[in-house]
Protein backbone atom coordinates (compact mmCIF):
# COMPACT_ATOMS: atom_id res chain seq x y z
CA UNK A 1 8.43 187.12 46.38
CA UNK A 2 7.48 189.48 49.19
CA UNK A 3 10.53 190.85 51.04
CA UNK A 4 11.13 189.39 54.47
CA UNK A 5 9.52 185.96 54.01
CA UNK A 6 10.53 182.61 52.59
CA UNK A 7 8.09 181.39 49.93
CA UNK A 8 7.30 177.75 49.20
CA UNK A 9 5.24 177.47 46.04
CA UNK A 10 4.10 173.86 46.41
CA UNK A 11 3.64 173.22 50.14
CA UNK A 12 0.47 171.18 50.69
CA UNK A 13 -0.99 169.86 53.92
CA UNK A 14 -4.12 168.21 55.32
CA UNK A 15 -6.18 170.07 57.92
CA UNK A 16 -8.30 167.70 60.03
CA UNK A 17 -10.17 169.51 62.79
CA UNK A 18 -9.22 168.51 66.33
CA UNK A 19 -10.24 170.66 69.29
CA UNK A 20 -7.37 171.44 71.63
CA UNK A 21 -7.43 170.91 75.35
CA UNK A 22 -7.45 174.28 77.09
CA UNK A 23 -5.92 174.91 80.49
CA UNK A 24 -5.17 177.77 82.85
CA UNK A 25 -1.84 178.93 84.19
CA UNK A 26 -0.51 177.14 87.24
CA UNK A 27 -1.88 173.75 86.20
CA UNK A 28 -0.40 170.33 86.89
CA UNK A 29 3.31 169.70 86.64
CA UNK A 30 4.36 169.79 83.02
CA UNK A 31 5.28 166.54 81.29
CA UNK A 32 8.41 167.29 79.28
CA UNK A 33 9.35 165.62 76.03
CA UNK A 34 12.55 165.44 73.94
CA UNK A 35 14.60 163.76 76.66
CA UNK A 36 16.99 162.60 73.95
CA UNK A 37 18.11 166.18 73.37
CA UNK A 38 21.31 167.30 75.00
CA UNK A 39 20.80 169.00 78.34
CA UNK A 40 23.64 171.39 77.62
CA UNK A 41 22.50 174.46 75.72
CA UNK A 42 24.97 175.78 73.20
CA UNK A 43 23.83 179.03 71.65
CA UNK A 44 26.11 179.99 68.81
CA UNK A 45 25.68 182.95 66.45
CA UNK A 46 26.29 181.76 62.92
CA UNK A 47 27.90 185.05 62.00
CA UNK A 48 28.04 187.90 64.48
CA UNK A 49 26.72 191.15 63.10
CA UNK A 50 25.83 189.55 59.77
CA UNK A 51 22.05 189.27 60.13
CA UNK A 52 22.18 185.56 60.91
CA UNK A 53 19.92 183.79 63.37
CA UNK A 54 21.14 182.17 66.53
CA UNK A 55 21.80 178.43 66.23
CA UNK A 56 20.19 176.21 68.86
CA UNK A 57 21.80 172.81 69.37
CA UNK A 58 19.48 169.96 68.34
CA UNK A 59 16.94 172.23 66.63
CA UNK A 60 16.59 173.27 63.00
CA UNK A 61 14.70 176.54 62.83
CA UNK A 62 12.37 178.12 63.53
CA UNK A 63 11.63 179.23 59.98
CA UNK A 64 8.84 181.43 58.62
CA UNK A 65 7.39 180.37 55.27
CA UNK A 66 4.64 181.58 52.94
CA UNK A 67 2.59 179.15 50.86
CA UNK A 68 -0.42 180.40 48.91
CA UNK A 69 -2.60 182.10 51.57
CA UNK A 70 -0.85 180.48 54.53
CA UNK A 71 1.86 181.72 56.90
CA UNK A 72 3.83 178.84 58.40
CA UNK A 73 6.21 178.67 61.35
CA UNK A 74 8.14 175.40 61.38
CA UNK A 75 10.96 173.88 63.39
CA UNK A 76 12.53 170.43 63.63
CA UNK A 77 13.96 168.59 66.64
CA UNK A 78 16.88 166.74 65.09
CA UNK A 79 17.44 164.25 67.95
CA UNK A 80 13.82 163.07 68.12
CA UNK A 81 11.91 160.89 65.68
CA UNK A 82 8.28 160.92 64.58
CA UNK A 83 6.36 158.49 62.37
CA UNK A 84 2.76 159.74 62.28
CA UNK A 85 1.15 163.10 61.55
CA UNK A 86 -1.28 164.73 63.99
CA UNK A 87 -3.03 168.03 63.30
CA UNK A 88 -4.77 170.23 65.88
CA UNK A 89 -7.06 173.20 65.33
CA UNK A 90 -6.17 176.28 67.34
CA UNK A 91 -9.04 177.69 69.41
CA UNK A 92 -10.42 181.16 68.58
CA UNK A 93 -9.39 180.82 64.92
CA UNK A 94 -11.25 179.49 61.90
CA UNK A 95 -8.16 178.49 59.93
CA UNK A 96 -5.19 178.04 62.27
CA UNK A 97 -3.60 174.67 62.92
CA UNK A 98 -0.65 172.96 64.57
CA UNK A 99 0.81 169.94 62.84
CA UNK A 100 3.25 167.48 64.44
CA UNK A 101 4.82 165.00 62.06
CA UNK A 102 8.03 163.62 60.57
CA UNK A 103 10.46 165.74 58.62
CA UNK A 104 11.95 164.43 55.38
CA UNK A 105 14.54 162.67 57.54
CA UNK A 106 12.00 161.24 59.98
CA UNK A 107 12.83 163.76 62.70
CA UNK A 108 10.09 165.36 64.76
CA UNK A 109 8.78 168.53 63.15
CA UNK A 110 6.19 171.01 64.45
CA UNK A 111 4.46 173.51 62.15
CA UNK A 112 2.02 176.30 62.97
CA UNK A 113 -0.14 177.25 59.98
CA UNK A 114 -2.24 180.42 59.80
CA UNK A 115 -4.54 181.90 57.18
CA UNK A 116 -2.81 185.20 56.42
CA UNK A 117 -5.95 187.28 55.95
CA UNK A 118 -7.46 185.92 59.18
CA UNK A 119 -4.31 186.94 61.07
CA UNK A 120 -4.44 190.44 59.61
CA UNK A 121 -8.14 190.93 60.35
CA UNK A 122 -8.22 189.14 63.71
CA UNK A 123 -9.69 191.14 66.60
CA UNK A 124 -7.19 190.71 69.43
CA UNK A 125 -9.80 192.18 71.79
CA UNK A 126 -11.31 188.67 71.87
CA UNK A 127 -8.20 187.35 73.61
CA UNK A 128 -7.22 187.74 77.28
CA UNK A 129 -3.89 189.26 78.27
CA UNK A 130 -1.46 186.49 79.18
CA UNK A 131 2.19 186.18 80.19
CA UNK A 132 4.54 183.29 79.56
CA UNK A 133 2.87 179.97 80.45
CA UNK A 134 4.49 179.98 83.92
CA UNK A 135 3.33 183.60 84.52
CA UNK A 136 6.73 185.19 84.00
CA UNK A 137 6.65 188.43 82.02
CA UNK A 138 7.04 188.28 78.24
CA UNK A 139 10.50 189.74 77.56
CA UNK A 140 10.46 193.14 75.90
CA UNK A 141 6.72 193.72 76.26
CA UNK A 142 5.35 196.67 78.23
CA UNK A 143 3.53 195.20 81.21
CA UNK A 144 4.94 191.77 80.38
CA UNK A 145 1.77 190.49 78.67
CA UNK A 146 0.03 190.31 75.29
CA UNK A 147 -3.36 189.10 74.03
CA UNK A 148 -3.10 185.37 73.55
CA UNK A 149 -4.25 181.83 74.16
CA UNK A 150 -2.80 178.89 76.08
CA UNK A 151 -3.19 175.39 74.70
CA UNK A 152 -1.91 171.86 75.14
CA UNK A 153 -1.01 169.44 72.38
CA UNK A 154 0.66 166.05 72.47
CA UNK A 155 4.31 166.40 73.59
CA UNK A 156 4.02 170.20 73.79
CA UNK A 157 2.01 171.00 76.92
CA UNK A 158 1.93 174.63 78.05
CA UNK A 159 2.19 176.20 74.61
CA UNK A 160 1.06 179.78 73.97
CA UNK A 161 0.11 181.91 70.97
CA UNK A 162 0.31 185.71 71.16
CA UNK A 163 -1.38 188.08 68.70
CA UNK A 164 -1.64 191.84 69.09
CA UNK A 165 -1.77 194.87 66.80
CA UNK A 166 2.03 194.77 66.48
CA UNK A 167 3.19 191.27 67.42
CA UNK A 168 2.70 187.62 66.48
CA UNK A 169 4.37 185.24 68.89
CA UNK A 170 4.66 181.57 69.83
CA UNK A 171 5.98 179.88 72.94
CA UNK A 172 7.13 176.29 72.36
CA UNK A 173 8.17 174.33 75.48
CA UNK A 174 11.55 172.61 75.18
CA UNK A 175 12.77 170.31 77.91
CA UNK A 176 16.50 170.68 77.31
CA UNK A 177 16.32 174.28 78.48
CA UNK A 178 15.82 173.00 82.03
CA UNK A 179 19.54 173.44 82.64
CA UNK A 180 19.58 176.92 81.14
CA UNK A 181 19.03 179.32 84.03
CA UNK A 182 18.34 182.63 82.33
CA UNK A 183 16.22 184.35 79.68
CA UNK A 184 18.30 185.39 76.68
CA UNK A 185 16.96 187.18 73.59
CA UNK A 186 18.42 187.59 70.12
CA UNK A 187 17.28 189.43 67.02
CA UNK A 188 15.42 187.19 64.60
CA UNK A 189 16.01 187.64 60.87
CA UNK A 190 14.08 186.60 57.79
CA UNK A 191 15.94 186.93 54.50
CA UNK A 192 18.62 188.97 56.32
CA UNK A 193 16.05 191.49 57.59
CA UNK A 194 15.25 191.92 61.27
CA UNK A 195 11.75 190.53 61.75
CA UNK A 196 11.45 190.22 65.52
CA UNK A 197 13.21 188.34 68.31
CA UNK A 198 13.86 184.81 69.48
CA UNK A 199 14.25 184.15 73.20
CA UNK A 200 15.68 181.15 75.01
CA UNK A 201 13.55 180.93 78.14
CA UNK A 202 15.43 179.06 80.84
CA UNK A 203 14.19 177.46 84.02
CA UNK A 204 15.08 179.99 86.73
CA UNK A 205 13.02 178.19 89.39
CA UNK A 206 11.43 174.77 89.83
CA UNK A 207 7.97 175.85 88.68
CA UNK A 208 9.25 177.58 85.55
CA UNK A 209 8.59 176.21 82.07
CA UNK A 210 11.58 176.40 79.70
CA UNK A 211 11.19 176.87 75.97
CA UNK A 212 11.58 179.01 72.88
CA UNK A 213 9.69 182.28 72.43
CA UNK A 214 9.53 183.51 68.85
CA UNK A 215 8.11 187.03 68.66
CA UNK A 216 7.56 188.44 65.17
CA UNK A 217 6.90 192.05 64.26
CA UNK A 218 3.34 192.28 62.99
CA UNK A 219 2.77 196.01 62.61
CA UNK A 220 0.95 197.71 59.74
CA UNK A 221 4.01 197.69 57.48
CA UNK A 222 4.25 193.90 57.79
CA UNK A 223 0.51 193.53 57.21
CA UNK A 224 0.72 195.74 54.12
CA UNK A 225 3.53 193.54 52.77
CA UNK A 226 1.42 190.45 53.38
CA UNK A 227 -1.57 192.03 51.64
CA UNK A 228 0.64 192.86 48.67
CA UNK A 229 1.78 189.24 48.61
CA UNK A 230 -1.85 188.02 48.71
CA UNK A 231 -2.85 190.33 45.87
CA UNK A 232 -0.18 188.71 43.71
CA UNK A 233 -1.64 185.22 44.16
């Protein structure tokens, strides 16, 4: 198994093509979901200084997985339920999808699935520079922006994907961060190795959109590791 990534050998999924609704920044008031989640945000480090990821109350993940030629980011909202599966095709990509469906326990799970080689070879010059969905600067990025796309899917309006020469990121809106009034970042680890950052984006003003920003390192060393993994398949 390639260092730095979880590997699921037998992870299968269906990929129906559904075009996503696109929107610009500053659109209509966001409709928030997950009202059953606690409004109090408890961020607890599982083990300080021991390469463990921050724990977010009510959420399992996010996790990064590898399956065949696919890189998957998945997370589960433990206080919400889901019965059906819906799959959306991400714009600008040939083989990139978002799937919303039930976990093994019937909880709501969201998974982003990317063809690894397409990610590595993707020309980020095709993408505009964007900030967070509410136009706040992306934490830790020079100039506060990265090449990316905005998209809306059922229950997750104002989502964003970021892809540059050195970063792969996702912004997932989460309503229970409405009562969290700051932006707080933590190191993100995969297999006990630092692989990027995870940021709790709070609602500092009425027009702000709260959520989780997962920003993975995606420099040449990571790409070389992924290519080595692909060559072993």
